[in-house]
C-alpha atoms as a PDB file:
ATOM      1  CA  UNK A   1      19.937 -28.542 -18.586  1.00  0.00           C
ATOM      2  CA  UNK A   2      18.469 -29.643 -14.985  1.00  0.00           C
ATOM      3  CA  UNK A   3      18.098 -26.014 -13.526  1.00  0.00           C
ATOM      4  CA  UNK A   4      20.255 -23.696 -11.297  1.00  0.00           C
ATOM      5  CA  UNK A   5      21.316 -24.922  -7.946  1.00  0.00           C
ATOM      6  CA  UNK A   6      19.445 -22.088  -6.057  1.00  0.00           C
ATOM      7  CA  UNK A   7      16.182 -23.427  -8.123  1.00  0.00           C
ATOM      8  CA  UNK A   8      16.951 -26.406  -6.416  1.00  0.00           C
ATOM      9  CA  UNK A   9      17.759 -24.551  -2.750  1.00  0.00           C
ATOM     10  CA  UNK A  10      14.203 -22.776  -3.190  1.00  0.00           C
ATOM     11  CA  UNK A  11      12.389 -25.946  -3.683  1.00  0.00           C
ATOM     12  CA  UNK A  12      13.907 -27.889  -0.769  1.00  0.00           C
ATOM     13  CA  UNK A  13      13.264 -24.305   1.642  1.00  0.00           C
ATOM     14  CA  UNK A  14       9.363 -24.502  -0.056  1.00  0.00           C
ATOM     15  CA  UNK A  15       9.057 -28.094   1.261  1.00  0.00           C
ATOM     16  CA  UNK A  16      10.648 -27.636   4.557  1.00  0.00           C
ATOM     17  CA  UNK A  17       8.033 -24.488   5.050  1.00  0.00           C
ATOM     18  CA  UNK A  18       5.500 -26.571   3.581  1.00  0.00           C
ATOM     19  CA  UNK A  19       5.662 -29.442   6.268  1.00  0.00           C
ATOM     20  CA  UNK A  20       6.417 -27.041   9.165  1.00  0.00           C
ATOM     21  CA  UNK A  21       3.044 -25.655   8.234  1.00  0.00           C
ATOM     22  CA  UNK A  22       1.390 -28.782   8.403  1.00  0.00           C
ATOM     23  CA  UNK A  23       2.936 -30.198  11.598  1.00  0.00           C
ATOM     24  CA  UNK A  24       2.423 -26.243  13.298  1.00  0.00           C
ATOM     25  CA  UNK A  25      -0.195 -25.474  16.199  1.00  0.00           C
ATOM     26  CA  UNK A  26      -2.747 -22.815  15.545  1.00  0.00           C
ATOM     27  CA  UNK A  27      -0.185 -20.891  17.867  1.00  0.00           C
ATOM     28  CA  UNK A  28       2.755 -22.089  16.118  1.00  0.00           C
ATOM     29  CA  UNK A  29       1.400 -20.797  12.933  1.00  0.00           C
ATOM     30  CA  UNK A  30       0.870 -17.281  14.023  1.00  0.00           C
ATOM     31  CA  UNK A  31       4.227 -16.833  15.095  1.00  0.00           C
ATOM     32  CA  UNK A  32       5.538 -17.923  11.751  1.00  0.00           C
ATOM     33  CA  UNK A  33       2.979 -15.494  10.288  1.00  0.00           C
ATOM     34  CA  UNK A  34       5.128 -12.694  12.776  1.00  0.00           C
ATOM     35  CA  UNK A  35       7.832 -13.874  11.795  1.00  0.00           C
ATOM     36  CA  UNK A  36       7.089 -13.874   8.157  1.00  0.00           C
ATOM     37  CA  UNK A  37       6.200  -9.959   8.258  1.00  0.00           C
ATOM     38  CA  UNK A  38       8.822  -9.404  10.131  1.00  0.00           C
ATOM     39  CA  UNK A  39      11.626 -10.634   7.417  1.00  0.00           C
ATOM     40  CA  UNK A  40       9.354  -9.202   4.699  1.00  0.00           C
ATOM     41  CA  UNK A  41      10.019  -6.068   6.401  1.00  0.00           C
ATOM     42  CA  UNK A  42      13.391  -6.116   6.945  1.00  0.00           C
ATOM     43  CA  UNK A  43      13.793  -7.368   3.070  1.00  0.00           C
ATOM     44  CA  UNK A  44      11.387  -4.196   2.414  1.00  0.00           C
ATOM     45  CA  UNK A  45      13.993  -2.045   4.410  1.00  0.00           C
ATOM     46  CA  UNK A  46      17.119  -3.258   2.559  1.00  0.00           C
ATOM     47  CA  UNK A  47      15.433  -2.709  -0.846  1.00  0.00           C
ATOM     48  CA  UNK A  48      14.805   0.664   0.102  1.00  0.00           C
ATOM     49  CA  UNK A  49      17.696   1.583   1.111  1.00  0.00           C
ATOM     50  CA  UNK A  50      19.081   0.193  -1.880  1.00  0.00           C
ATOM     51  CA  UNK A  51      17.007   1.813  -4.054  1.00  0.00           C
ATOM     52  CA  UNK A  52      15.560  -0.749  -5.509  1.00  0.00           C
ATOM     53  CA  UNK A  53      11.734   0.003  -6.342  1.00  0.00           C
ATOM     54  CA  UNK A  54      10.388  -2.744  -7.292  1.00  0.00           C
ATOM     55  CA  UNK A  55      11.946  -5.555  -4.594  1.00  0.00           C
ATOM     56  CA  UNK A  56      10.704  -2.752  -2.263  1.00  0.00           C
ATOM     57  CA  UNK A  57       7.294  -2.814  -3.190  1.00  0.00           C
ATOM     58  CA  UNK A  58       7.182  -6.524  -3.436  1.00  0.00           C
ATOM     59  CA  UNK A  59       8.382  -7.261   0.075  1.00  0.00           C
ATOM     60  CA  UNK A  60       5.914  -4.330   1.537  1.00  0.00           C
ATOM     61  CA  UNK A  61       3.296  -5.901  -0.490  1.00  0.00           C
ATOM     62  CA  UNK A  62       4.040  -9.566   1.097  1.00  0.00           C
ATOM     63  CA  UNK A  63       4.145  -7.788   4.301  1.00  0.00           C
ATOM     64  CA  UNK A  64       0.385  -6.288   3.942  1.00  0.00           C
ATOM     65  CA  UNK A  65      -0.790 -10.074   2.695  1.00  0.00           C
ATOM     66  CA  UNK A  66       0.439 -11.416   5.824  1.00  0.00           C
ATOM     67  CA  UNK A  67      -0.733  -8.859   7.853  1.00  0.00           C
ATOM     68  CA  UNK A  68      -4.647  -8.625   6.374  1.00  0.00           C
ATOM     69  CA  UNK A  69      -4.716 -12.179   5.004  1.00  0.00           C
ATOM     70  CA  UNK A  70      -2.877 -14.103   8.023  1.00  0.00           C
ATOM     71  CA  UNK A  71      -3.038 -12.222  11.173  1.00  0.00           C
ATOM     72  CA  UNK A  72      -6.405 -10.392  10.896  1.00  0.00           C
ATOM     73  CA  UNK A  73      -7.857 -13.132   9.283  1.00  0.00           C
ATOM     74  CA  UNK A  74      -7.170 -15.655  11.782  1.00  0.00           C
ATOM     75  CA  UNK A  75      -9.042 -13.093  14.610  1.00  0.00           C
ATOM     76  CA  UNK A  76     -11.998 -14.693  15.960  1.00  0.00           C
ATOM     77  CA  UNK A  77     -13.703 -11.343  17.091  1.00  0.00           C
ATOM     78  CA  UNK A  78     -16.884 -12.866  18.397  1.00  0.00           C
ATOM     79  CA  UNK A  79     -15.272 -14.934  20.998  1.00  0.00           C
ATOM     80  CA  UNK A  80     -11.536 -12.837  21.459  1.00  0.00           C
ATOM     81  CA  UNK A  81     -13.875  -9.912  22.678  1.00  0.00           C
ATOM     82  CA  UNK A  82     -12.015  -6.518  22.701  1.00  0.00           C
ATOM     83  CA  UNK A  83      -8.349  -7.694  22.561  1.00  0.00           C
ATOM     84  CA  UNK A  84      -9.159  -9.508  19.033  1.00  0.00           C
ATOM     85  CA  UNK A  85     -11.334  -6.178  17.996  1.00  0.00           C
ATOM     86  CA  UNK A  86      -8.035  -4.122  19.227  1.00  0.00           C
ATOM     87  CA  UNK A  87      -5.722  -6.483  17.363  1.00  0.00           C
ATOM     88  CA  UNK A  88      -8.094  -5.958  14.119  1.00  0.00           C
ATOM     89  CA  UNK A  89      -7.810  -1.769  14.419  1.00  0.00           C
ATOM     90  CA  UNK A  90      -3.918  -2.574  15.321  1.00  0.00           C
ATOM     91  CA  UNK A  91      -3.189  -4.788  11.806  1.00  0.00           C
ATOM     92  CA  UNK A  92      -5.347  -2.467   9.834  1.00  0.00           C
ATOM     93  CA  UNK A  93      -3.132   0.240  11.314  1.00  0.00           C
ATOM     94  CA  UNK A  94      -0.042  -1.291  10.255  1.00  0.00           C
ATOM     95  CA  UNK A  95      -1.286  -1.711   6.352  1.00  0.00           C
ATOM     96  CA  UNK A  96      -2.249   1.408   6.226  1.00  0.00           C
ATOM     97  CA  UNK A  97       1.316   2.814   7.172  1.00  0.00           C
ATOM     98  CA  UNK A  98       2.834   0.372   5.237  1.00  0.00           C
ATOM     99  CA  UNK A  99       1.244   1.764   2.183  1.00  0.00           C
ATOM    100  CA  UNK A 100       2.360   5.246   3.202  1.00  0.00           C
ATOM    101  CA  UNK A 101       6.118   3.604   3.846  1.00  0.00           C
ATOM    102  CA  UNK A 102       5.466   2.400  -0.016  1.00  0.00           C
ATOM    103  CA  UNK A 103       4.794   5.510  -1.681  1.00  0.00           C
ATOM    104  CA  UNK A 104       6.613   7.614   0.462  1.00  0.00           C
ATOM    105  CA  UNK A 105       9.986   5.735   0.579  1.00  0.00           C
ATOM    106  CA  UNK A 106      10.130   6.049   4.431  1.00  0.00           C
ATOM    107  CA  UNK A 107      12.114   3.229   6.161  1.00  0.00           C
ATOM    108  CA  UNK A 108      10.977   4.731   9.641  1.00  0.00           C
ATOM    109  CA  UNK A 109       7.532   3.656   9.235  1.00  0.00           C
ATOM    110  CA  UNK A 110       8.449   0.096   7.862  1.00  0.00           C
ATOM    111  CA  UNK A 111      10.676  -0.011  11.121  1.00  0.00           C
ATOM    112  CA  UNK A 112       7.411   1.142  13.827  1.00  0.00           C
ATOM    113  CA  UNK A 113       5.517  -1.375  11.597  1.00  0.00           C
ATOM    114  CA  UNK A 114       8.686  -4.003  12.119  1.00  0.00           C
ATOM    115  CA  UNK A 115       8.681  -2.666  15.988  1.00  0.00           C
ATOM    116  CA  UNK A 116       4.856  -3.374  16.736  1.00  0.00           C
ATOM    117  CA  UNK A 117       5.031  -6.478  15.135  1.00  0.00           C
ATOM    118  CA  UNK A 118       8.229  -8.191  17.335  1.00  0.00           C
ATOM    119  CA  UNK A 119       6.681  -6.718  20.182  1.00  0.00           C
ATOM    120  CA  UNK A 120       3.473  -8.628  19.074  1.00  0.00           C
ATOM    121  CA  UNK A 121       5.464 -11.822  18.463  1.00  0.00           C
ATOM    122  CA  UNK A 122       7.408 -11.294  21.619  1.00  0.00           C
ATOM    123  CA  UNK A 123       3.665 -11.353  23.382  1.00  0.00           C
ATOM    124  CA  UNK A 124       2.412 -14.177  21.716  1.00  0.00           C
ATOM    125  CA  UNK A 125       5.614 -16.250  22.089  1.00  0.00           C
ATOM    126  CA  UNK A 126       5.081 -15.653  26.198  1.00  0.00           C
ATOM    127  CA  UNK A 127       1.011 -16.709  25.625  1.00  0.00           C
ATOM    128  CA  UNK A 128       2.806 -20.156  24.269  1.00  0.00           C
ATOM    129  CA  UNK A 129       5.207 -20.558  26.645  1.00  0.00           C
ATOM    130  CA  UNK A 130       3.044 -20.071  29.379  1.00  0.00           C
ATOM    131  CA  UNK A 131       0.421 -22.391  28.082  1.00  0.00           C
ATOM    132  CA  UNK A 132       2.752 -25.074  27.585  1.00  0.00           C
ATOM    133  CA  UNK A 133       3.850 -24.945  30.761  1.00  0.00           C
ATOM    134  CA  UNK A 134       2.759 -27.280  33.226  1.00  0.00           C
ATOM    135  CA  UNK A 135      -0.315 -25.708  35.528  1.00  0.00           C
ATOM    136  CA  UNK A 136       0.977 -25.198  38.940  1.00  0.00           C
ATOM    137  CA  UNK A 137      -1.926 -27.063  40.385  1.00  0.00           C
ATOM    138  CA  UNK A 138       0.367 -30.041  38.655  1.00  0.00           C
ATOM    139  CA  UNK A 139      -2.496 -30.436  36.353  1.00  0.00           C
ATOM    140  CA  UNK A 140      -2.098 -30.969  32.283  1.00  0.00           C
ATOM    141  CA  UNK A 141      -0.559 -27.967  30.287  1.00  0.00           C
ATOM    142  CA  UNK A 142      -2.812 -25.495  29.039  1.00  0.00           C
ATOM    143  CA  UNK A 143      -2.231 -26.281  25.314  1.00  0.00           C
ATOM    144  CA  UNK A 144      -4.016 -29.204  25.604  1.00  0.00           C
ATOM    145  CA  UNK A 145      -7.081 -27.940  27.183  1.00  0.00           C
ATOM    146  CA  UNK A 146      -8.300 -25.072  24.774  1.00  0.00           C
ATOM    147  CA  UNK A 147      -7.141 -22.971  21.813  1.00  0.00           C
ATOM    148  CA  UNK A 148      -6.890 -19.322  22.231  1.00  0.00           C
ATOM    149  CA  UNK A 149     -10.389 -17.473  22.023  1.00  0.00           C
ATOM    150  CA  UNK A 150      -8.129 -14.882  20.091  1.00  0.00           C
ATOM    151  CA  UNK A 151      -8.253 -17.403  17.000  1.00  0.00           C
ATOM    152  CA  UNK A 152     -10.481 -18.312  14.431  1.00  0.00           C
ATOM    153  CA  UNK A 153     -10.056 -22.199  13.633  1.00  0.00           C
ATOM    154  CA  UNK A 154      -6.667 -21.755  11.833  1.00  0.00           C
END
């Protein structure tokens, strides 16, 4: 009559996610994209090992969407220069590898891409930690000065 308890939990989680997105800085949004792609790949690995083809495909597709429509789309290649261009090529590589992993049921490829995303996420987190620390001269935090040139207007 009122729906399942799981449906209520999912609705609550969605509201929490939407609120987090609305309040997040561009840096935090990129962190959320990395986290989402990593979680999708963990799910894909579990589904692949369980032999659940449909769920595996959905999880891999979700990771590819995050990489292509989130991470790649947020790059500002004009301002970000060589770093942004290299990241774009790396994201393209990851998407291609995930397609191969899906077609060939190769967990090791999922692990490869997940490790790349984890390394990038950790590096991005360090950039944010450094940007939020007060400047050595005692000035304002870097986060208040300027957004990363790698990001298009997110």
